[in-house]
Protein backbone atom coordinates (compact mmCIF):
# COMPACT_ATOMS: atom_id res chain seq x y z
CA MET A 1 2.34 31.76 -61.69
CA SER A 2 4.03 35.54 -60.96
CA GLU A 3 6.82 35.95 -58.59
CA ARG A 4 6.05 35.77 -54.89
CA SER A 5 2.74 33.76 -55.42
CA TRP A 6 2.81 32.57 -51.68
CA GLU A 7 2.70 34.65 -48.29
CA VAL A 8 2.38 31.82 -45.70
CA ILE A 9 4.07 28.55 -46.54
CA VAL A 10 2.40 26.00 -44.38
CA PHE A 11 4.62 22.23 -43.53
CA ASP A 12 3.38 19.37 -42.30
CA TRP A 13 5.59 17.57 -39.86
CA ASP A 14 6.08 13.84 -39.52
CA GLY A 15 7.84 12.49 -43.00
CA THR A 16 7.79 16.03 -44.50
CA LEU A 17 10.28 17.88 -42.47
CA VAL A 18 11.57 14.94 -40.13
CA ASP A 19 12.50 11.48 -41.05
CA SER A 20 10.42 9.61 -38.50
CA THR A 21 7.50 7.57 -40.74
CA ARG A 22 8.96 4.64 -40.15
CA LEU A 23 9.19 5.20 -36.24
CA ILE A 24 5.20 6.07 -36.02
CA ALA A 25 4.24 3.28 -38.55
CA ASP A 26 6.28 0.53 -35.97
CA ALA A 27 4.75 2.29 -32.94
CA ILE A 28 1.00 1.83 -34.30
CA LEU A 29 2.02 -1.84 -35.00
CA GLN A 30 3.35 -2.54 -31.77
CA ALA A 31 0.56 -1.12 -29.68
CA ALA A 32 -1.63 -3.15 -31.80
CA ALA A 33 0.18 -6.22 -30.57
CA ASP A 34 0.50 -5.00 -27.19
CA ILE A 35 -2.92 -4.98 -26.21
CA GLU A 36 -3.55 -7.97 -28.75
CA VAL A 37 -6.15 -6.29 -31.22
CA PRO A 38 -6.19 -7.51 -35.19
CA VAL A 39 -4.35 -5.10 -37.55
CA ARG A 40 -6.44 -5.16 -40.92
CA ASP A 41 -3.33 -4.50 -43.07
CA PRO A 42 0.11 -3.91 -41.82
CA ARG A 43 0.56 -1.39 -44.88
CA LEU A 44 -1.77 1.10 -43.49
CA ALA A 45 0.22 1.67 -40.57
CA SER A 46 2.04 4.11 -43.30
CA HIS A 47 -0.89 5.33 -45.13
CA VAL A 48 -3.03 6.88 -41.81
CA ILE A 49 -0.01 9.02 -40.75
CA GLY A 50 -1.06 12.35 -40.43
CA LEU A 51 -4.58 11.43 -39.79
CA GLY A 52 -6.05 12.16 -36.29
CA LEU A 53 -6.09 9.01 -33.77
CA ALA A 54 -9.45 8.18 -34.10
CA GLU A 55 -9.92 8.38 -38.01
CA ALA A 56 -6.32 6.20 -38.01
CA LEU A 57 -7.48 3.52 -35.70
CA ALA A 58 -10.81 3.15 -37.46
CA LEU A 59 -8.37 2.36 -40.72
CA VAL A 60 -5.72 0.22 -38.96
CA VAL A 61 -7.60 -1.61 -36.05
CA PRO A 62 -11.78 -1.01 -36.72
CA GLU A 63 -12.21 -4.00 -34.30
CA LEU A 64 -10.72 -1.72 -31.12
CA PRO A 65 -13.75 -1.05 -29.29
CA ARG A 66 -13.78 2.68 -28.54
CA GLU A 67 -13.12 2.36 -24.45
CA ARG A 68 -9.91 0.65 -25.87
CA ILE A 69 -8.42 3.57 -27.60
CA PRO A 70 -6.89 5.23 -24.32
CA ALA A 71 -4.91 1.90 -24.13
CA PHE A 72 -3.92 1.70 -27.62
CA ALA A 73 -3.04 5.48 -27.57
CA ALA A 74 -1.31 4.60 -24.29
CA ARG A 75 0.92 1.78 -25.81
CA TYR A 76 1.55 4.05 -29.29
CA HIS A 77 3.28 6.77 -27.35
CA ALA A 78 5.03 4.83 -25.11
CA HIS A 79 6.78 3.20 -28.54
CA PHE A 80 7.27 6.18 -30.12
CA ARG A 81 8.23 8.54 -27.28
CA GLN A 82 11.35 5.51 -27.13
CA GLY A 83 12.67 6.22 -30.59
CA GLU A 84 11.94 9.61 -30.64
CA ALA A 85 15.54 11.18 -29.65
CA GLN A 86 16.63 9.73 -32.77
CA ILE A 87 14.27 11.40 -35.02
CA ARG A 88 16.23 13.61 -37.40
CA PHE A 89 15.12 16.75 -40.02
CA PHE A 90 15.37 15.80 -43.28
CA GLU A 91 18.89 17.04 -44.75
CA GLY A 92 18.81 20.60 -45.71
CA THR A 93 15.74 21.15 -43.66
CA VAL A 94 16.61 23.59 -41.75
CA ALA A 95 18.68 25.49 -44.53
CA LEU A 96 15.38 25.97 -46.21
CA LEU A 97 13.33 27.15 -43.44
CA ASP A 98 15.74 29.96 -43.04
CA ALA A 99 16.08 30.76 -46.60
CA LEU A 100 12.62 31.31 -46.54
CA ARG A 101 12.36 33.20 -43.22
CA ALA A 102 15.03 35.50 -45.05
CA ARG A 103 12.50 36.13 -48.00
CA GLY A 104 9.99 37.72 -45.70
CA LEU A 105 7.81 34.61 -45.58
CA GLN A 106 5.91 33.39 -42.96
CA LEU A 107 5.95 29.78 -42.19
CA ALA A 108 2.99 27.34 -39.89
CA VAL A 109 3.11 24.06 -39.24
CA ALA A 110 -0.50 21.41 -40.00
CA THR A 111 0.25 18.23 -38.31
CA GLY A 112 -1.56 15.39 -37.30
CA LYS A 113 0.68 15.58 -34.20
CA ALA A 114 -1.02 16.45 -31.24
CA ARG A 115 0.56 19.66 -29.94
CA ALA A 116 2.38 18.42 -27.12
CA GLY A 117 4.20 15.93 -29.24
CA LEU A 118 4.76 19.27 -31.52
CA ASP A 119 5.94 21.18 -28.60
CA ARG A 120 8.43 18.24 -28.14
CA ALA A 121 9.87 18.06 -31.55
CA ILE A 122 9.81 21.98 -31.89
CA ALA A 123 12.08 22.38 -28.51
CA ALA A 124 14.12 19.27 -29.93
CA GLY A 125 14.84 20.83 -33.03
CA ARG A 126 15.66 24.45 -32.20
CA LEU A 127 12.76 25.92 -33.99
CA ASP A 128 11.16 28.34 -31.13
CA GLY A 129 10.54 30.98 -33.14
CA TYR A 130 10.57 29.82 -36.80
CA PHE A 131 6.63 29.14 -37.16
CA SER A 132 4.49 32.11 -36.81
CA SER A 133 1.28 29.28 -35.89
CA TYR A 134 0.54 25.54 -36.03
CA ARG A 135 -2.70 23.29 -36.15
CA CYS A 136 -2.58 20.11 -34.49
CA ALA A 137 -5.11 17.48 -34.60
CA ASP A 138 -6.20 18.16 -30.76
CA GLN A 139 -6.72 21.69 -31.66
CA THR A 140 -9.61 21.63 -34.46
CA HIS A 141 -10.79 18.44 -37.42
CA ALA A 142 -7.63 16.09 -38.36
CA LYS A 143 -6.73 16.18 -42.11
CA PRO A 144 -8.19 15.75 -44.80
CA HIS A 145 -11.00 18.40 -43.33
CA PRO A 146 -9.69 21.77 -44.45
CA ALA A 147 -10.00 23.21 -41.04
CA MET A 148 -6.19 23.63 -40.39
CA LEU A 149 -5.54 25.76 -43.62
CA LEU A 150 -8.52 27.63 -43.09
CA GLU A 151 -8.23 28.41 -39.39
CA LEU A 152 -4.53 29.34 -40.15
CA SER A 153 -5.77 31.70 -42.94
CA GLU A 154 -7.78 33.40 -40.73
CA GLU A 155 -5.28 33.77 -37.86
CA LEU A 156 -2.73 34.67 -40.28
CA GLN A 157 -5.00 37.38 -42.27
CA THR A 158 -4.05 35.42 -45.27
CA GLU A 159 -6.06 34.26 -48.18
CA PRO A 160 -6.54 30.82 -48.70
CA ALA A 161 -4.94 31.64 -52.51
CA LYS A 162 -1.49 33.10 -51.01
CA MET A 163 -1.02 29.82 -48.81
CA LEU A 164 1.19 27.04 -50.39
CA MET A 165 0.86 23.43 -48.23
CA ILE A 166 3.72 21.02 -48.46
CA GLY A 167 3.01 17.72 -47.07
CA ASP A 168 4.06 14.03 -47.81
CA THR A 169 0.58 12.22 -47.85
CA SER A 170 -2.84 12.60 -49.72
CA HIS A 171 -4.38 13.60 -46.63
CA ASP A 172 -2.18 16.92 -46.81
CA LEU A 173 -3.06 17.17 -50.70
CA GLN A 174 -6.89 16.40 -49.81
CA MET A 175 -7.08 19.18 -47.42
CA ALA A 176 -5.17 22.02 -49.62
CA ALA A 177 -7.25 21.01 -52.02
CA ALA A 178 -10.42 21.34 -49.91
CA ALA A 179 -9.35 24.81 -48.68
CA GLY A 180 -8.45 25.99 -52.20
CA VAL A 181 -4.92 26.43 -51.08
CA ALA A 182 -2.18 25.31 -53.55
CA ALA A 183 0.08 22.61 -52.56
CA VAL A 184 3.40 20.41 -53.34
CA GLY A 185 4.00 16.47 -52.24
CA VAL A 186 6.87 15.67 -50.94
CA SER A 187 7.81 11.72 -51.55
CA HIS A 188 10.13 10.96 -49.07
CA GLY A 189 7.70 9.97 -46.36
CA ALA A 190 4.45 8.19 -45.99
CA HIS A 191 3.26 8.16 -49.34
CA PRO A 192 4.46 6.97 -52.60
CA ARG A 193 5.03 9.50 -55.77
CA GLU A 194 1.90 8.15 -57.56
CA GLU A 195 -0.53 8.62 -55.03
CA LEU A 196 0.43 12.22 -54.38
CA GLU A 197 0.60 12.58 -58.10
CA ARG A 198 -2.87 11.23 -58.43
CA LEU A 199 -4.26 14.78 -56.59
CA ARG A 200 -2.47 16.42 -59.24
CA PRO A 201 -0.67 19.03 -56.45
CA LEU A 202 1.64 21.81 -58.07
CA ALA A 203 4.38 19.61 -58.10
CA VAL A 204 6.00 16.48 -56.09
CA VAL A 205 9.01 16.05 -54.95
CA ASP A 206 11.68 13.60 -54.14
CA SER A 207 14.38 15.55 -51.57
CA THR A 208 14.17 18.53 -49.85
CA ALA A 209 17.16 19.47 -52.15
CA GLN A 210 14.01 19.11 -55.18
CA LEU A 211 11.97 21.37 -53.12
CA ARG A 212 14.33 24.19 -52.42
CA ASP A 213 15.19 24.15 -55.91
CA TRP A 214 11.49 24.60 -56.57
CA LEU A 215 10.26 26.68 -54.36
CA LEU A 216 12.96 29.49 -53.91
CA PRO A 217 12.75 30.86 -57.52
CA ARG A 218 8.77 31.05 -57.39
CA CYS A 219 9.20 32.57 -53.52
């Protein structure tokens, strides 16, 4: 690739920028226990991170009736909010964002979070003004549908070929492929390295430091 291959860098949030995977998975399992609905496989609580709520619940708790989804969601959010203040950025994350901004790149977020939750997270992390735009699961189609990236492409007036998606799940990489957007996987989140590698991203890195070393020379 030539230098300055991309104009917009799009980040997933949970498991990519912040270390929240365990909290999310635990909140899913605790909510299921609270309303006494069986979980198909506890390991799926991590696998579905990044999907929209309805898509995630269809996999983790397939016996949950549609009319009980609000009750499940209420219990999930209660458990998540209890631990939300303890979520931290992966080491080096803010420095990486600063370095990308200094190069004149636009930054964006494409996440399975609801917009209200992302707004809280951005405010808590003091990242107001860092990102040019956001797409959340309650604003458009959930991952791995390509809508988030295609909408960002249109809004930011950037061709998909000039965008790079960075995420920790196969959902992120599948979304990127469907949108014609290049992708990099990070293995410190919800999905293991081998699962990410099967989708043939440009690279899979194991830490924010490795991501920085790979990304900055190409920006």
